[in-house]
């Protein structure tokens, strides 16, 4: 099938977008606050259990319950076991997530993805009867380039240019928003990756898994809504780049990539509705408070 937009252009546009988004977030991160959450890790452990354990289990279980064929299951499972979406932190912060807890959870999840993903691939092989591989070195490279490196670059800029740092972060954030729109359009326009090209049941599984991840975040996040939002979005948004990397390493058929992209688009739509709901509920609560 002919590509409307060259795949190399889609790949580079996506990478530049992610790098810009993550680098722009440095202005929101305060190292001392992150250290506080590491010293008292009870909430952090809850978030890690949700993101690294519960969501993959839900994704695998749901894909089996919906009777997907093997290729569909593989696509769903690959993205369900891939935690630490680089754009999750931006979405979490935009929903009012805790500015200290959310970055801490994101960074720790990204680092723990290095051992967790290969282990989940081994578990998935046992469940699905497949023979996939995911070496820790490839996972570590993806995590470093997509998350740790841009965060590091942002931190250096913030330290060397404390006055212009926030302005640079704002410029990067706005540029990233434009690039994100362009990247999404390029993916959707390319008929090989269109959400319309996949089957309906994998999309249903994506919707159920995403809704479950959001619900789990609220259930285990405790009484503070800012923590709940952080865990919910970190769990719901999966790492598309990491899932596609594993698919590429294992020479998966194109359908697997289609399902991964379709899952991601479904998740974005649901999380957008979720963030709108949060904003709406906040507005209602403020209105009730004003009446009192």
C-alpha atoms as a PDB file:
ATOM      1  CA  UNK A   1       0.000   0.000   0.000  1.00  0.00           C
ATOM      2  CA  UNK A   2       1.354   3.421  -0.993  1.00  0.00           C
ATOM      3  CA  UNK A   3       2.201   5.837   1.792  1.00  0.00           C
ATOM      4  CA  UNK A   4       0.724   9.312   1.429  1.00  0.00           C
ATOM      5  CA  UNK A   5       3.377  10.687   3.805  1.00  0.00           C
ATOM      6  CA  UNK A   6       6.828   9.026   3.888  1.00  0.00           C
ATOM      7  CA  UNK A   7       7.331   6.910   6.987  1.00  0.00           C
ATOM      8  CA  UNK A   8      10.711   8.480   7.719  1.00  0.00           C
ATOM      9  CA  UNK A   9       9.054  11.897   7.870  1.00  0.00           C
ATOM     10  CA  UNK A  10       6.375  10.638  10.269  1.00  0.00           C
ATOM     11  CA  UNK A  11       9.057   9.052  12.480  1.00  0.00           C
ATOM     12  CA  UNK A  12      11.263  12.152  12.655  1.00  0.00           C
ATOM     13  CA  UNK A  13       8.327  14.492  13.139  1.00  0.00           C
ATOM     14  CA  UNK A  14       7.088  12.341  16.009  1.00  0.00           C
ATOM     15  CA  UNK A  15      10.534  12.226  17.629  1.00  0.00           C
ATOM     16  CA  UNK A  16      11.072  15.996  17.374  1.00  0.00           C
ATOM     17  CA  UNK A  17       7.598  16.554  18.791  1.00  0.00           C
ATOM     18  CA  UNK A  18       8.197  14.302  21.794  1.00  0.00           C
ATOM     19  CA  UNK A  19      11.652  15.794  22.420  1.00  0.00           C
ATOM     20  CA  UNK A  20      10.267  19.341  22.336  1.00  0.00           C
ATOM     21  CA  UNK A  21       7.336  18.511  24.591  1.00  0.00           C
ATOM     22  CA  UNK A  22       9.469  16.787  27.217  1.00  0.00           C
ATOM     23  CA  UNK A  23      12.216  19.442  27.092  1.00  0.00           C
ATOM     24  CA  UNK A  24       9.623  22.173  27.616  1.00  0.00           C
ATOM     25  CA  UNK A  25       8.495  20.564  30.880  1.00  0.00           C
ATOM     26  CA  UNK A  26      11.734  21.340  32.718  1.00  0.00           C
ATOM     27  CA  UNK A  27      10.279  24.634  33.961  1.00  0.00           C
ATOM     28  CA  UNK A  28       7.650  22.701  35.967  1.00  0.00           C
ATOM     29  CA  UNK A  29      10.068  20.330  37.722  1.00  0.00           C
ATOM     30  CA  UNK A  30      11.533  21.161  41.129  1.00  0.00           C
ATOM     31  CA  UNK A  31      14.198  18.606  42.148  1.00  0.00           C
ATOM     32  CA  UNK A  32      13.703  19.185  45.888  1.00  0.00           C
ATOM     33  CA  UNK A  33       9.993  18.361  45.617  1.00  0.00           C
ATOM     34  CA  UNK A  34      10.761  15.220  43.638  1.00  0.00           C
ATOM     35  CA  UNK A  35      13.185  14.123  46.345  1.00  0.00           C
ATOM     36  CA  UNK A  36      10.465  14.580  48.968  1.00  0.00           C
ATOM     37  CA  UNK A  37       8.298  12.022  47.155  1.00  0.00           C
ATOM     38  CA  UNK A  38      11.232   9.611  46.896  1.00  0.00           C
ATOM     39  CA  UNK A  39      11.879   9.886  50.633  1.00  0.00           C
ATOM     40  CA  UNK A  40       8.200   9.165  51.404  1.00  0.00           C
ATOM     41  CA  UNK A  41       7.384   6.735  48.589  1.00  0.00           C
ATOM     42  CA  UNK A  42       4.006   5.291  49.636  1.00  0.00           C
ATOM     43  CA  UNK A  43       2.054   7.215  46.975  1.00  0.00           C
ATOM     44  CA  UNK A  44       4.795   6.611  44.431  1.00  0.00           C
ATOM     45  CA  UNK A  45       4.605   2.856  45.029  1.00  0.00           C
ATOM     46  CA  UNK A  46       0.835   2.959  44.460  1.00  0.00           C
ATOM     47  CA  UNK A  47       1.391   4.721  41.152  1.00  0.00           C
ATOM     48  CA  UNK A  48       4.061   2.245  40.081  1.00  0.00           C
ATOM     49  CA  UNK A  49       1.821  -0.715  40.890  1.00  0.00           C
ATOM     50  CA  UNK A  50      -0.927   0.784  38.738  1.00  0.00           C
ATOM     51  CA  UNK A  51       1.266   1.735  35.777  1.00  0.00           C
ATOM     52  CA  UNK A  52       3.652  -1.233  35.707  1.00  0.00           C
ATOM     53  CA  UNK A  53       1.449  -4.070  36.967  1.00  0.00           C
ATOM     54  CA  UNK A  54      -2.302  -3.480  36.985  1.00  0.00           C
ATOM     55  CA  UNK A  55      -2.678  -1.838  33.549  1.00  0.00           C
ATOM     56  CA  UNK A  56      -0.696  -4.548  31.677  1.00  0.00           C
ATOM     57  CA  UNK A  57      -2.737  -7.246  33.425  1.00  0.00           C
ATOM     58  CA  UNK A  58      -5.982  -5.497  32.449  1.00  0.00           C
ATOM     59  CA  UNK A  59      -4.794  -5.129  28.832  1.00  0.00           C
ATOM     60  CA  UNK A  60      -3.794  -8.782  28.503  1.00  0.00           C
ATOM     61  CA  UNK A  61      -6.934 -10.057  30.246  1.00  0.00           C
ATOM     62  CA  UNK A  62      -9.260  -7.859  28.205  1.00  0.00           C
ATOM     63  CA  UNK A  63      -7.638  -8.816  24.883  1.00  0.00           C
ATOM     64  CA  UNK A  64      -8.260 -12.480  25.733  1.00  0.00           C
ATOM     65  CA  UNK A  65     -11.792 -11.845  26.993  1.00  0.00           C
ATOM     66  CA  UNK A  66     -12.788 -10.056  23.781  1.00  0.00           C
ATOM     67  CA  UNK A  67     -11.612 -12.983  21.662  1.00  0.00           C
ATOM     68  CA  UNK A  68      -9.092 -11.101  19.541  1.00  0.00           C
ATOM     69  CA  UNK A  69      -7.035 -13.077  17.055  1.00  0.00           C
ATOM     70  CA  UNK A  70      -3.325 -13.542  17.759  1.00  0.00           C
ATOM     71  CA  UNK A  71      -2.093 -10.551  15.747  1.00  0.00           C
ATOM     72  CA  UNK A  72      -4.641  -8.268  17.399  1.00  0.00           C
ATOM     73  CA  UNK A  73      -3.711  -9.570  20.842  1.00  0.00           C
ATOM     74  CA  UNK A  74      -0.037  -8.958  20.164  1.00  0.00           C
ATOM     75  CA  UNK A  75      -0.699  -5.345  19.131  1.00  0.00           C
ATOM     76  CA  UNK A  76      -2.814  -4.627  22.207  1.00  0.00           C
ATOM     77  CA  UNK A  77      -0.435  -6.408  24.574  1.00  0.00           C
ATOM     78  CA  UNK A  78       2.635  -4.619  23.219  1.00  0.00           C
ATOM     79  CA  UNK A  79       1.256  -1.188  24.019  1.00  0.00           C
ATOM     80  CA  UNK A  80      -0.380  -2.312  27.269  1.00  0.00           C
ATOM     81  CA  UNK A  81       2.998  -3.496  28.608  1.00  0.00           C
ATOM     82  CA  UNK A  82       4.826  -0.337  27.437  1.00  0.00           C
ATOM     83  CA  UNK A  83       4.639   2.236  30.262  1.00  0.00           C
ATOM     84  CA  UNK A  84       5.913   5.780  30.497  1.00  0.00           C
ATOM     85  CA  UNK A  85       4.404   7.682  27.577  1.00  0.00           C
ATOM     86  CA  UNK A  86       6.578  10.805  27.121  1.00  0.00           C
ATOM     87  CA  UNK A  87       3.503  12.993  26.606  1.00  0.00           C
ATOM     88  CA  UNK A  88       1.746  11.689  29.733  1.00  0.00           C
ATOM     89  CA  UNK A  89       3.389  14.268  31.991  1.00  0.00           C
ATOM     90  CA  UNK A  90       2.146  17.169  29.875  1.00  0.00           C
ATOM     91  CA  UNK A  91      -1.406  15.817  29.893  1.00  0.00           C
ATOM     92  CA  UNK A  92      -1.259  15.141  33.632  1.00  0.00           C
ATOM     93  CA  UNK A  93      -0.065  18.642  34.457  1.00  0.00           C
ATOM     94  CA  UNK A  94      -2.734  20.134  32.207  1.00  0.00           C
ATOM     95  CA  UNK A  95      -5.385  18.283  34.244  1.00  0.00           C
ATOM     96  CA  UNK A  96      -4.206  19.799  37.512  1.00  0.00           C
ATOM     97  CA  UNK A  97      -1.933  16.945  38.604  1.00  0.00           C
ATOM     98  CA  UNK A  98       0.547  17.503  41.420  1.00  0.00           C
ATOM     99  CA  UNK A  99       3.551  19.352  39.965  1.00  0.00           C
ATOM    100  CA  UNK A 100       5.942  17.507  42.262  1.00  0.00           C
ATOM    101  CA  UNK A 101       4.467  14.004  42.233  1.00  0.00           C
ATOM    102  CA  UNK A 102       3.660  13.745  38.501  1.00  0.00           C
ATOM    103  CA  UNK A 103       7.253  14.359  37.258  1.00  0.00           C
ATOM    104  CA  UNK A 104       8.645  12.008  39.920  1.00  0.00           C
ATOM    105  CA  UNK A 105       6.263   9.236  38.880  1.00  0.00           C
ATOM    106  CA  UNK A 106       7.031   9.807  35.200  1.00  0.00           C
ATOM    107  CA  UNK A 107      10.817   9.626  35.654  1.00  0.00           C
ATOM    108  CA  UNK A 108      10.720   6.546  37.905  1.00  0.00           C
ATOM    109  CA  UNK A 109       8.308   4.752  35.546  1.00  0.00           C
ATOM    110  CA  UNK A 110      10.596   5.525  32.596  1.00  0.00           C
ATOM    111  CA  UNK A 111      13.606   4.048  34.375  1.00  0.00           C
ATOM    112  CA  UNK A 112      11.746   0.966  35.631  1.00  0.00           C
ATOM    113  CA  UNK A 113      10.429   0.329  32.113  1.00  0.00           C
ATOM    114  CA  UNK A 114      13.934  -0.884  31.208  1.00  0.00           C
ATOM    115  CA  UNK A 115      13.661  -4.099  33.270  1.00  0.00           C
ATOM    116  CA  UNK A 116       9.846  -4.287  33.324  1.00  0.00           C
ATOM    117  CA  UNK A 117       9.179  -4.426  29.574  1.00  0.00           C
ATOM    118  CA  UNK A 118      11.480  -7.400  28.837  1.00  0.00           C
ATOM    119  CA  UNK A 119       9.916  -9.257  31.774  1.00  0.00           C
ATOM    120  CA  UNK A 120       6.423  -8.551  30.469  1.00  0.00           C
ATOM    121  CA  UNK A 121       7.447  -9.775  27.005  1.00  0.00           C
ATOM    122  CA  UNK A 122       8.534 -13.071  28.579  1.00  0.00           C
ATOM    123  CA  UNK A 123       5.197 -13.291  30.410  1.00  0.00           C
ATOM    124  CA  UNK A 124       3.264 -12.447  27.234  1.00  0.00           C
ATOM    125  CA  UNK A 125       5.136 -15.177  25.340  1.00  0.00           C
ATOM    126  CA  UNK A 126       3.999 -17.697  27.933  1.00  0.00           C
ATOM    127  CA  UNK A 127       0.385 -16.486  27.763  1.00  0.00           C
ATOM    128  CA  UNK A 128       0.071 -16.054  23.982  1.00  0.00           C
ATOM    129  CA  UNK A 129       2.423 -18.798  22.857  1.00  0.00           C
ATOM    130  CA  UNK A 130       4.651 -16.352  20.986  1.00  0.00           C
ATOM    131  CA  UNK A 131       8.440 -16.003  20.856  1.00  0.00           C
ATOM    132  CA  UNK A 132       9.025 -12.255  21.044  1.00  0.00           C
ATOM    133  CA  UNK A 133      12.127 -10.564  22.415  1.00  0.00           C
ATOM    134  CA  UNK A 134      12.801  -7.166  23.994  1.00  0.00           C
ATOM    135  CA  UNK A 135      16.338  -6.566  25.145  1.00  0.00           C
ATOM    136  CA  UNK A 136      16.876  -4.103  27.972  1.00  0.00           C
ATOM    137  CA  UNK A 137      19.493  -2.175  25.959  1.00  0.00           C
ATOM    138  CA  UNK A 138      17.034  -1.198  23.221  1.00  0.00           C
ATOM    139  CA  UNK A 139      14.406  -0.225  25.786  1.00  0.00           C
ATOM    140  CA  UNK A 140      16.959   1.859  27.701  1.00  0.00           C
ATOM    141  CA  UNK A 141      18.011   3.677  24.514  1.00  0.00           C
ATOM    142  CA  UNK A 142      14.414   4.575  23.688  1.00  0.00           C
ATOM    143  CA  UNK A 143      13.735   5.800  27.220  1.00  0.00           C
ATOM    144  CA  UNK A 144      16.933   7.850  27.259  1.00  0.00           C
ATOM    145  CA  UNK A 145      16.371   9.544  23.895  1.00  0.00           C
ATOM    146  CA  UNK A 146      12.649  10.205  24.343  1.00  0.00           C
ATOM    147  CA  UNK A 147      12.555  11.241  28.015  1.00  0.00           C
ATOM    148  CA  UNK A 148      15.726  11.416  30.078  1.00  0.00           C
ATOM    149  CA  UNK A 149      17.818  13.302  27.498  1.00  0.00           C
ATOM    150  CA  UNK A 150      15.271  16.063  26.789  1.00  0.00           C
ATOM    151  CA  UNK A 151      14.584  16.457  30.515  1.00  0.00           C
ATOM    152  CA  UNK A 152      18.328  16.713  31.086  1.00  0.00           C
ATOM    153  CA  UNK A 153      18.702  19.299  28.331  1.00  0.00           C
ATOM    154  CA  UNK A 154      15.849  21.282  29.859  1.00  0.00           C
ATOM    155  CA  UNK A 155      17.442  21.127  33.308  1.00  0.00           C
ATOM    156  CA  UNK A 156      20.776  22.401  31.924  1.00  0.00           C
ATOM    157  CA  UNK A 157      19.036  25.284  30.166  1.00  0.00           C
ATOM    158  CA  UNK A 158      17.166  26.156  33.362  1.00  0.00           C
ATOM    159  CA  UNK A 159      20.422  26.219  35.330  1.00  0.00           C
ATOM    160  CA  UNK A 160      22.515  28.130  32.777  1.00  0.00           C
ATOM    161  CA  UNK A 161      19.815  30.605  31.807  1.00  0.00           C
ATOM    162  CA  UNK A 162      17.511  30.995  34.831  1.00  0.00           C
ATOM    163  CA  UNK A 163      15.956  34.207  33.495  1.00  0.00           C
ATOM    164  CA  UNK A 164      15.380  33.079  29.916  1.00  0.00           C
ATOM    165  CA  UNK A 165      14.667  29.466  30.887  1.00  0.00           C
ATOM    166  CA  UNK A 166      10.910  29.907  31.408  1.00  0.00           C
ATOM    167  CA  UNK A 167      10.653  31.823  28.117  1.00  0.00           C
ATOM    168  CA  UNK A 168      12.525  29.052  26.297  1.00  0.00           C
ATOM    169  CA  UNK A 169      10.233  26.489  27.920  1.00  0.00           C
ATOM    170  CA  UNK A 170       7.159  28.379  26.759  1.00  0.00           C
ATOM    171  CA  UNK A 171       8.479  28.638  23.199  1.00  0.00           C
ATOM    172  CA  UNK A 172       9.298  24.930  23.152  1.00  0.00           C
ATOM    173  CA  UNK A 173       5.869  24.105  24.545  1.00  0.00           C
ATOM    174  CA  UNK A 174       4.057  26.119  21.868  1.00  0.00           C
ATOM    175  CA  UNK A 175       6.276  24.757  19.110  1.00  0.00           C
ATOM    176  CA  UNK A 176       5.674  21.245  20.391  1.00  0.00           C
ATOM    177  CA  UNK A 177       1.904  21.815  20.285  1.00  0.00           C
ATOM    178  CA  UNK A 178       2.144  22.725  16.596  1.00  0.00           C
ATOM    179  CA  UNK A 179       4.414  19.758  15.902  1.00  0.00           C
ATOM    180  CA  UNK A 180       2.060  17.470  17.790  1.00  0.00           C
ATOM    181  CA  UNK A 181      -0.851  18.488  15.575  1.00  0.00           C
ATOM    182  CA  UNK A 182       1.302  17.959  12.475  1.00  0.00           C
ATOM    183  CA  UNK A 183       2.462  14.553  13.719  1.00  0.00           C
ATOM    184  CA  UNK A 184      -1.089  13.407  14.453  1.00  0.00           C
ATOM    185  CA  UNK A 185      -2.299  14.600  11.059  1.00  0.00           C
ATOM    186  CA  UNK A 186       0.586  12.831   9.319  1.00  0.00           C
ATOM    187  CA  UNK A 187      -0.222   9.584  11.117  1.00  0.00           C
ATOM    188  CA  UNK A 188      -3.952   9.761  10.468  1.00  0.00           C
ATOM    189  CA  UNK A 189      -3.567  10.804   6.812  1.00  0.00           C
ATOM    190  CA  UNK A 190      -1.272   7.860   6.125  1.00  0.00           C
ATOM    191  CA  UNK A 191      -3.849   5.149   5.400  1.00  0.00           C
ATOM    192  CA  UNK A 192      -1.602   2.413   6.780  1.00  0.00           C
ATOM    193  CA  UNK A 193      -1.867   3.930  10.224  1.00  0.00           C
ATOM    194  CA  UNK A 194      -5.418   5.222  10.118  1.00  0.00           C
ATOM    195  CA  UNK A 195      -7.614   4.195  13.005  1.00  0.00           C
ATOM    196  CA  UNK A 196     -10.261   3.354  10.401  1.00  0.00           C
ATOM    197  CA  UNK A 197      -8.028   0.635   8.947  1.00  0.00           C
ATOM    198  CA  UNK A 198      -8.056  -1.557  12.045  1.00  0.00           C
ATOM    199  CA  UNK A 199     -10.689  -3.839  13.517  1.00  0.00           C
ATOM    200  CA  UNK A 200     -13.298  -2.587  15.955  1.00  0.00           C
ATOM    201  CA  UNK A 201     -12.590  -5.046  18.773  1.00  0.00           C
ATOM    202  CA  UNK A 202      -9.005  -3.940  19.456  1.00  0.00           C
ATOM    203  CA  UNK A 203     -10.344  -0.381  19.710  1.00  0.00           C
ATOM    204  CA  UNK A 204     -12.955  -1.611  22.203  1.00  0.00           C
ATOM    205  CA  UNK A 205     -10.190  -3.286  24.221  1.00  0.00           C
ATOM    206  CA  UNK A 206      -8.196  -0.037  24.138  1.00  0.00           C
ATOM    207  CA  UNK A 207     -11.212   1.887  25.423  1.00  0.00           C
ATOM    208  CA  UNK A 208     -11.885  -0.588  28.241  1.00  0.00           C
ATOM    209  CA  UNK A 209      -8.227  -0.735  29.298  1.00  0.00           C
ATOM    210  CA  UNK A 210      -7.876   3.060  29.249  1.00  0.00           C
ATOM    211  CA  UNK A 211     -11.074   3.525  31.272  1.00  0.00           C
ATOM    212  CA  UNK A 212      -9.885   0.894  33.758  1.00  0.00           C
ATOM    213  CA  UNK A 213      -6.513   2.640  34.115  1.00  0.00           C
ATOM    214  CA  UNK A 214      -8.199   5.961  34.849  1.00  0.00           C
ATOM    215  CA  UNK A 215     -10.510   4.324  37.378  1.00  0.00           C
ATOM    216  CA  UNK A 216      -7.661   2.511  39.139  1.00  0.00           C
ATOM    217  CA  UNK A 217      -5.765   5.784  39.410  1.00  0.00           C
ATOM    218  CA  UNK A 218      -8.671   7.345  41.258  1.00  0.00           C
ATOM    219  CA  UNK A 219      -9.190   4.322  43.491  1.00  0.00           C
ATOM    220  CA  UNK A 220      -5.607   3.968  44.706  1.00  0.00           C
ATOM    221  CA  UNK A 221      -4.504   7.602  44.489  1.00  0.00           C
ATOM    222  CA  UNK A 222      -5.801   8.524  47.916  1.00  0.00           C
ATOM    223  CA  UNK A 223      -7.807  11.566  48.989  1.00  0.00           C
ATOM    224  CA  UNK A 224      -5.822  14.170  47.024  1.00  0.00           C
ATOM    225  CA  UNK A 225      -7.281  14.666  43.521  1.00  0.00           C
ATOM    226  CA  UNK A 226      -3.938  15.960  42.208  1.00  0.00           C
ATOM    227  CA  UNK A 227      -2.306  12.607  43.019  1.00  0.00           C
ATOM    228  CA  UNK A 228      -5.238  10.676  41.562  1.00  0.00           C
ATOM    229  CA  UNK A 229      -4.947  12.596  38.290  1.00  0.00           C
ATOM    230  CA  UNK A 230      -1.227  11.883  38.120  1.00  0.00           C
ATOM    231  CA  UNK A 231      -1.607   8.131  38.597  1.00  0.00           C
ATOM    232  CA  UNK A 232      -4.680   7.893  36.355  1.00  0.00           C
ATOM    233  CA  UNK A 233      -3.086   9.561  33.336  1.00  0.00           C
ATOM    234  CA  UNK A 234       0.319   7.922  33.825  1.00  0.00           C
ATOM    235  CA  UNK A 235      -1.409   4.548  33.780  1.00  0.00           C
ATOM    236  CA  UNK A 236      -3.773   5.245  30.903  1.00  0.00           C
ATOM    237  CA  UNK A 237      -1.241   6.707  28.468  1.00  0.00           C
ATOM    238  CA  UNK A 238       1.109   4.029  27.162  1.00  0.00           C
ATOM    239  CA  UNK A 239       4.440   4.426  25.370  1.00  0.00           C
ATOM    240  CA  UNK A 240       3.653   4.162  21.650  1.00  0.00           C
ATOM    241  CA  UNK A 241       7.283   4.559  20.590  1.00  0.00           C
ATOM    242  CA  UNK A 242       8.395   1.731  22.867  1.00  0.00           C
ATOM    243  CA  UNK A 243       5.615  -0.567  21.655  1.00  0.00           C
ATOM    244  CA  UNK A 244       6.500   0.137  18.012  1.00  0.00           C
ATOM    245  CA  UNK A 245      10.177  -0.470  18.797  1.00  0.00           C
ATOM    246  CA  UNK A 246       9.420  -3.959  20.122  1.00  0.00           C
ATOM    247  CA  UNK A 247       7.212  -4.639  17.099  1.00  0.00           C
ATOM    248  CA  UNK A 248      10.046  -3.587  14.785  1.00  0.00           C
ATOM    249  CA  UNK A 249      12.664  -5.678  16.587  1.00  0.00           C
ATOM    250  CA  UNK A 250      10.436  -8.737  16.210  1.00  0.00           C
ATOM    251  CA  UNK A 251       9.496  -8.009  12.566  1.00  0.00           C
ATOM    252  CA  UNK A 252       5.794  -7.893  13.326  1.00  0.00           C
ATOM    253  CA  UNK A 253       3.253  -7.611  10.479  1.00  0.00           C
ATOM    254  CA  UNK A 254       1.953  -4.101   9.632  1.00  0.00           C
ATOM    255  CA  UNK A 255      -1.369  -4.859  11.331  1.00  0.00           C
ATOM    256  CA  UNK A 256       0.365  -4.810  14.712  1.00  0.00           C
ATOM    257  CA  UNK A 257       1.568  -1.250  14.093  1.00  0.00           C
ATOM    258  CA  UNK A 258      -1.920  -0.236  13.000  1.00  0.00           C
ATOM    259  CA  UNK A 259      -3.408  -1.583  16.217  1.00  0.00           C
ATOM    260  CA  UNK A 260      -0.776   0.158  18.359  1.00  0.00           C
ATOM    261  CA  UNK A 261      -1.473   3.528  16.716  1.00  0.00           C
ATOM    262  CA  UNK A 262      -5.224   2.953  16.909  1.00  0.00           C
ATOM    263  CA  UNK A 263      -4.924   2.159  20.616  1.00  0.00           C
ATOM    264  CA  UNK A 264      -2.978   5.392  21.159  1.00  0.00           C
ATOM    265  CA  UNK A 265      -5.511   7.528  19.296  1.00  0.00           C
ATOM    266  CA  UNK A 266      -8.380   5.930  21.241  1.00  0.00           C
ATOM    267  CA  UNK A 267      -6.558   6.678  24.491  1.00  0.00           C
ATOM    268  CA  UNK A 268      -5.964  10.310  23.512  1.00  0.00           C
ATOM    269  CA  UNK A 269      -9.676  10.792  22.796  1.00  0.00           C
ATOM    270  CA  UNK A 270     -10.723   9.229  26.112  1.00  0.00           C
ATOM    271  CA  UNK A 271      -8.160  11.184  28.140  1.00  0.00           C
ATOM    272  CA  UNK A 272      -9.209  14.414  26.436  1.00  0.00           C
ATOM    273  CA  UNK A 273     -12.781  13.711  27.554  1.00  0.00           C
ATOM    274  CA  UNK A 274     -11.477  12.824  31.021  1.00  0.00           C
ATOM    275  CA  UNK A 275      -9.591  16.112  31.350  1.00  0.00           C
ATOM    276  CA  UNK A 276     -12.674  18.014  30.172  1.00  0.00           C
ATOM    277  CA  UNK A 277     -14.718  16.182  32.826  1.00  0.00           C
ATOM    278  CA  UNK A 278     -12.191  17.123  35.509  1.00  0.00           C
ATOM    279  CA  UNK A 279     -12.338  20.772  34.481  1.00  0.00           C
ATOM    280  CA  UNK A 280     -16.136  20.678  34.434  1.00  0.00           C
ATOM    281  CA  UNK A 281     -16.323  19.136  37.924  1.00  0.00           C
ATOM    282  CA  UNK A 282     -13.852  21.713  39.239  1.00  0.00           C
ATOM    283  CA  UNK A 283     -15.975  24.505  37.825  1.00  0.00           C
ATOM    284  CA  UNK A 284     -19.103  23.072  39.454  1.00  0.00           C
ATOM    285  CA  UNK A 285     -17.377  22.754  42.816  1.00  0.00           C
ATOM    286  CA  UNK A 286     -16.178  26.358  42.640  1.00  0.00           C
ATOM    287  CA  UNK A 287     -19.664  27.510  41.732  1.00  0.00           C
ATOM    288  CA  UNK A 288     -21.120  25.662  44.745  1.00  0.00           C
ATOM    289  CA  UNK A 289     -18.456  27.170  46.982  1.00  0.00           C
ATOM    290  CA  UNK A 290     -19.239  30.649  45.718  1.00  0.00           C
ATOM    291  CA  UNK A 291     -22.955  30.194  46.496  1.00  0.00           C
ATOM    292  CA  UNK A 292     -22.145  29.216  50.064  1.00  0.00           C
END
